[in-house]
Amino acid sequence: MSALEMLAMPKTHTLTKRQMEGTVCVWCKENLDDTCLRLGPRIRVADGGIQRWLPRACRPCTGKEAARVYRIHIRACARCSHRDYCPDSRALHKLALEYR
């Protein structure tokens, strides 16, 4: 799993059609250009079935979300809480720094 795939998505019932389609940022709803990031395939349960969707995001929002998830992770992960940072925390930290 990549660091992008570790990022939490907003609840799908709160998203617009354009956010679900990946034409605007999944977090801030800004129009996306060629520099946007694909966050990996996700699934949701809707209309009695499973649907796949492909969220995308702008770089600033990706950096903010990566930093948020990193802060949560290092408090909850047994390895990270002892300063022996795991591969997931290192990947999230790198992502947060890259897109801040």
N, C-alpha and C. Protein backbone atom coordinates (compact mmCIF):
# COMPACT_ATOMS: atom_id res chain seq x y z
N MET A 1 0.85 -1.17 0.00
CA MET A 1 0.00 0.00 0.00
C MET A 1 0.90 1.24 0.00
N SER A 2 0.56 2.19 -0.84
CA SER A 2 1.35 3.43 -0.90
C SER A 2 0.87 4.42 0.15
N ALA A 3 1.69 5.43 0.41
CA ALA A 3 1.29 6.47 1.37
C ALA A 3 0.01 7.16 0.91
N LEU A 4 -0.14 7.36 -0.40
CA LEU A 4 -1.36 7.99 -0.91
C LEU A 4 -2.60 7.17 -0.57
N GLU A 5 -2.46 5.85 -0.61
CA GLU A 5 -3.59 4.97 -0.31
C GLU A 5 -3.88 4.91 1.19
N MET A 6 -2.96 5.36 2.03
CA MET A 6 -3.20 5.38 3.48
C MET A 6 -4.01 6.60 3.92
N LEU A 7 -4.16 7.58 3.05
CA LEU A 7 -4.88 8.79 3.42
C LEU A 7 -6.37 8.52 3.52
N ALA A 8 -6.97 9.03 4.58
CA ALA A 8 -8.40 8.84 4.80
C ALA A 8 -9.19 9.73 3.85
N MET A 9 -10.25 9.19 3.33
CA MET A 9 -11.13 9.94 2.43
C MET A 9 -12.33 10.47 3.21
N PRO A 10 -12.89 11.58 2.76
CA PRO A 10 -14.15 12.04 3.37
C PRO A 10 -15.24 10.99 3.14
N LYS A 11 -16.24 11.00 3.97
CA LYS A 11 -17.36 10.07 3.78
C LYS A 11 -18.00 10.35 2.43
N THR A 12 -18.24 9.30 1.66
CA THR A 12 -18.71 9.49 0.29
C THR A 12 -20.06 10.18 0.21
N HIS A 13 -20.91 10.02 1.21
CA HIS A 13 -22.22 10.68 1.14
C HIS A 13 -22.11 12.20 1.27
N THR A 14 -20.93 12.70 1.67
CA THR A 14 -20.73 14.15 1.78
C THR A 14 -20.10 14.74 0.52
N LEU A 15 -19.72 13.90 -0.43
CA LEU A 15 -18.99 14.36 -1.61
C LEU A 15 -19.93 14.70 -2.77
N THR A 16 -19.48 15.64 -3.59
CA THR A 16 -20.23 15.98 -4.80
C THR A 16 -19.90 14.96 -5.88
N LYS A 17 -20.69 14.98 -6.93
CA LYS A 17 -20.44 14.09 -8.06
C LYS A 17 -19.05 14.34 -8.65
N ARG A 18 -18.67 15.61 -8.75
CA ARG A 18 -17.35 15.95 -9.32
C ARG A 18 -16.21 15.45 -8.43
N GLN A 19 -16.39 15.48 -7.12
CA GLN A 19 -15.36 14.93 -6.22
C GLN A 19 -15.26 13.42 -6.41
N MET A 20 -16.39 12.76 -6.57
CA MET A 20 -16.38 11.31 -6.78
C MET A 20 -15.76 10.94 -8.13
N GLU A 21 -15.96 11.78 -9.13
CA GLU A 21 -15.41 11.52 -10.46
C GLU A 21 -13.92 11.85 -10.55
N GLY A 22 -13.41 12.62 -9.60
CA GLY A 22 -12.01 12.99 -9.61
C GLY A 22 -11.70 14.20 -10.48
N THR A 23 -12.71 14.99 -10.81
CA THR A 23 -12.46 16.20 -11.61
C THR A 23 -12.13 17.40 -10.73
N VAL A 24 -12.44 17.32 -9.44
CA VAL A 24 -12.06 18.34 -8.46
C VAL A 24 -11.43 17.63 -7.26
N CYS A 25 -10.71 18.38 -6.46
CA CYS A 25 -10.05 17.82 -5.28
C CYS A 25 -11.07 17.21 -4.33
N VAL A 26 -10.76 16.03 -3.84
CA VAL A 26 -11.66 15.32 -2.93
C VAL A 26 -11.83 16.07 -1.62
N TRP A 27 -10.86 16.94 -1.26
CA TRP A 27 -10.96 17.67 0.01
C TRP A 27 -11.44 19.11 -0.16
N CYS A 28 -10.88 19.87 -1.09
CA CYS A 28 -11.21 21.31 -1.17
C CYS A 28 -12.12 21.68 -2.33
N LYS A 29 -12.43 20.75 -3.21
CA LYS A 29 -13.33 20.96 -4.35
C LYS A 29 -12.77 21.88 -5.43
N GLU A 30 -11.47 22.18 -5.39
CA GLU A 30 -10.86 23.01 -6.43
C GLU A 30 -10.68 22.17 -7.70
N ASN A 31 -10.80 22.84 -8.86
CA ASN A 31 -10.55 22.15 -10.12
C ASN A 31 -9.12 21.64 -10.15
N LEU A 32 -8.92 20.50 -10.78
CA LEU A 32 -7.61 19.87 -10.81
C LEU A 32 -6.96 20.04 -12.17
N ASP A 33 -5.63 20.07 -12.17
CA ASP A 33 -4.89 20.13 -13.42
C ASP A 33 -4.00 18.89 -13.51
N ASP A 34 -3.02 18.93 -14.40
CA ASP A 34 -2.16 17.77 -14.62
C ASP A 34 -1.24 17.45 -13.44
N THR A 35 -1.14 18.37 -12.48
CA THR A 35 -0.26 18.12 -11.34
C THR A 35 -0.98 17.43 -10.18
N CYS A 36 -2.26 17.13 -10.36
CA CYS A 36 -3.02 16.50 -9.27
C CYS A 36 -2.50 15.09 -8.99
N LEU A 37 -2.88 14.59 -7.84
CA LEU A 37 -2.43 13.26 -7.42
C LEU A 37 -3.59 12.29 -7.41
N ARG A 38 -3.34 11.12 -7.94
CA ARG A 38 -4.31 10.03 -7.89
C ARG A 38 -4.11 9.31 -6.57
N LEU A 39 -5.17 9.18 -5.80
CA LEU A 39 -5.07 8.66 -4.44
C LEU A 39 -5.31 7.16 -4.33
N GLY A 40 -5.45 6.50 -5.45
CA GLY A 40 -5.66 5.06 -5.44
C GLY A 40 -7.13 4.71 -5.41
N PRO A 41 -7.47 3.55 -5.96
CA PRO A 41 -8.88 3.14 -6.01
C PRO A 41 -9.46 2.92 -4.63
N ARG A 42 -10.70 3.29 -4.48
CA ARG A 42 -11.44 3.10 -3.22
C ARG A 42 -12.76 2.43 -3.55
N ILE A 43 -13.36 1.84 -2.54
CA ILE A 43 -14.68 1.24 -2.74
C ILE A 43 -15.66 1.85 -1.75
N ARG A 44 -16.91 1.81 -2.13
CA ARG A 44 -17.98 2.27 -1.24
C ARG A 44 -19.19 1.39 -1.48
N VAL A 45 -20.03 1.30 -0.48
CA VAL A 45 -21.29 0.57 -0.60
C VAL A 45 -22.37 1.60 -0.87
N ALA A 46 -23.07 1.43 -1.98
CA ALA A 46 -24.15 2.35 -2.35
C ALA A 46 -25.16 1.61 -3.20
N ASP A 47 -26.41 1.95 -3.02
CA ASP A 47 -27.49 1.36 -3.81
C ASP A 47 -27.46 -0.17 -3.75
N GLY A 48 -27.13 -0.71 -2.59
CA GLY A 48 -27.15 -2.15 -2.40
C GLY A 48 -25.98 -2.89 -3.04
N GLY A 49 -24.97 -2.18 -3.49
CA GLY A 49 -23.83 -2.84 -4.11
C GLY A 49 -22.53 -2.12 -3.79
N ILE A 50 -21.46 -2.69 -4.26
CA ILE A 50 -20.14 -2.10 -4.05
C ILE A 50 -19.76 -1.34 -5.32
N GLN A 51 -19.32 -0.11 -5.12
CA GLN A 51 -18.90 0.73 -6.24
C GLN A 51 -17.45 1.16 -6.04
N ARG A 52 -16.73 1.18 -7.13
CA ARG A 52 -15.33 1.62 -7.10
C ARG A 52 -15.27 3.09 -7.52
N TRP A 53 -14.43 3.86 -6.84
CA TRP A 53 -14.23 5.25 -7.25
C TRP A 53 -12.76 5.60 -7.16
N LEU A 54 -12.34 6.62 -7.90
CA LEU A 54 -10.93 6.96 -8.03
C LEU A 54 -10.70 8.42 -7.63
N PRO A 55 -10.53 8.68 -6.34
CA PRO A 55 -10.35 10.06 -5.88
C PRO A 55 -9.01 10.65 -6.34
N ARG A 56 -9.04 11.95 -6.54
CA ARG A 56 -7.83 12.71 -6.87
C ARG A 56 -7.80 13.95 -5.99
N ALA A 57 -6.62 14.52 -5.85
CA ALA A 57 -6.49 15.68 -4.95
C ALA A 57 -5.42 16.63 -5.44
N CYS A 58 -5.53 17.87 -4.98
CA CYS A 58 -4.48 18.86 -5.26
C CYS A 58 -3.31 18.58 -4.31
N ARG A 59 -2.17 19.09 -4.66
CA ARG A 59 -0.96 18.85 -3.87
C ARG A 59 -1.03 19.45 -2.46
N PRO A 60 -1.49 20.70 -2.30
CA PRO A 60 -1.55 21.25 -0.94
C PRO A 60 -2.44 20.44 0.01
N CYS A 61 -3.61 20.02 -0.47
CA CYS A 61 -4.50 19.23 0.38
C CYS A 61 -3.89 17.87 0.70
N THR A 62 -3.19 17.29 -0.26
CA THR A 62 -2.54 16.00 -0.03
C THR A 62 -1.48 16.13 1.06
N GLY A 63 -0.70 17.19 1.02
CA GLY A 63 0.31 17.42 2.05
C GLY A 63 -0.30 17.60 3.43
N LYS A 64 -1.38 18.37 3.50
CA LYS A 64 -2.06 18.59 4.79
C LYS A 64 -2.63 17.29 5.34
N GLU A 65 -3.27 16.50 4.48
CA GLU A 65 -3.87 15.25 4.94
C GLU A 65 -2.79 14.25 5.33
N ALA A 66 -1.70 14.20 4.59
CA ALA A 66 -0.59 13.30 4.94
C ALA A 66 -0.01 13.67 6.30
N ALA A 67 0.14 14.96 6.57
CA ALA A 67 0.66 15.40 7.87
C ALA A 67 -0.31 15.03 8.99
N ARG A 68 -1.60 15.18 8.74
CA ARG A 68 -2.61 14.83 9.75
C ARG A 68 -2.58 13.33 10.06
N VAL A 69 -2.54 12.51 9.01
CA VAL A 69 -2.52 11.06 9.20
C VAL A 69 -1.21 10.62 9.86
N TYR A 70 -0.11 11.25 9.48
CA TYR A 70 1.18 10.95 10.10
C TYR A 70 1.14 11.21 11.61
N ARG A 71 0.59 12.36 12.02
CA ARG A 71 0.52 12.68 13.45
C ARG A 71 -0.32 11.65 14.21
N ILE A 72 -1.41 11.21 13.62
CA ILE A 72 -2.24 10.17 14.25
C ILE A 72 -1.47 8.86 14.32
N HIS A 73 -0.82 8.51 13.21
CA HIS A 73 -0.12 7.24 13.12
C HIS A 73 0.98 7.11 14.18
N ILE A 74 1.81 8.13 14.33
CA ILE A 74 2.95 7.98 15.25
C ILE A 74 2.52 7.90 16.71
N ARG A 75 1.30 8.32 17.01
CA ARG A 75 0.79 8.17 18.38
C ARG A 75 0.18 6.79 18.61
N ALA A 76 -0.29 6.15 17.53
CA ALA A 76 -1.00 4.89 17.68
C ALA A 76 -0.13 3.66 17.37
N CYS A 77 0.88 3.81 16.56
CA CYS A 77 1.72 2.69 16.13
C CYS A 77 2.70 2.30 17.24
N ALA A 78 2.75 1.02 17.57
CA ALA A 78 3.64 0.54 18.64
C ALA A 78 5.10 0.84 18.34
N ARG A 79 5.53 0.67 17.11
CA ARG A 79 6.92 0.95 16.75
C ARG A 79 7.21 2.44 16.79
N CYS A 80 6.31 3.21 16.25
CA CYS A 80 6.55 4.66 16.15
C CYS A 80 6.53 5.35 17.50
N SER A 81 5.70 4.87 18.41
CA SER A 81 5.62 5.51 19.72
C SER A 81 6.90 5.31 20.53
N HIS A 82 7.75 4.40 20.09
CA HIS A 82 9.04 4.16 20.75
C HIS A 82 10.20 4.72 19.91
N ARG A 83 9.88 5.62 18.99
CA ARG A 83 10.87 6.29 18.13
C ARG A 83 11.58 5.35 17.16
N ASP A 84 11.01 4.16 16.93
CA ASP A 84 11.54 3.24 15.93
C ASP A 84 10.57 3.30 14.74
N TYR A 85 10.63 4.38 14.00
CA TYR A 85 9.62 4.69 13.00
C TYR A 85 9.50 3.61 11.94
N CYS A 86 8.27 3.19 11.70
CA CYS A 86 7.98 2.11 10.76
C CYS A 86 7.95 2.65 9.33
N PRO A 87 7.95 1.75 8.33
CA PRO A 87 7.91 2.18 6.93
C PRO A 87 6.68 3.05 6.60
N ASP A 88 5.55 2.75 7.20
CA ASP A 88 4.35 3.55 6.94
C ASP A 88 4.54 4.99 7.41
N SER A 89 5.08 5.17 8.60
CA SER A 89 5.27 6.53 9.11
C SER A 89 6.29 7.29 8.28
N ARG A 90 7.34 6.60 7.86
CA ARG A 90 8.34 7.27 7.03
C ARG A 90 7.74 7.70 5.69
N ALA A 91 6.90 6.85 5.11
CA ALA A 91 6.25 7.18 3.83
C ALA A 91 5.28 8.35 3.98
N LEU A 92 4.51 8.36 5.05
CA LEU A 92 3.57 9.46 5.30
C LEU A 92 4.32 10.77 5.55
N HIS A 93 5.40 10.70 6.32
CA HIS A 93 6.19 11.89 6.61
C HIS A 93 6.80 12.46 5.32
N LYS A 94 7.33 11.60 4.49
CA LYS A 94 7.91 12.03 3.21
C LYS A 94 6.85 12.69 2.34
N LEU A 95 5.67 12.09 2.28
CA LEU A 95 4.57 12.65 1.48
C LEU A 95 4.16 14.02 2.01
N ALA A 96 4.06 14.15 3.32
CA ALA A 96 3.67 15.43 3.93
C ALA A 96 4.69 16.51 3.61
N LEU A 97 5.97 16.18 3.67
CA LEU A 97 7.01 17.17 3.37
C LEU A 97 7.06 17.52 1.89
N GLU A 98 6.85 16.53 1.06
CA GLU A 98 6.93 16.74 -0.39
C GLU A 98 5.86 17.68 -0.91
N TYR A 99 4.66 17.64 -0.32
CA TYR A 99 3.54 18.41 -0.86
C TYR A 99 3.04 19.49 0.09
N ARG A 100 3.86 19.92 1.03
CA ARG A 100 3.41 20.98 1.94
C ARG A 100 3.43 22.33 1.27
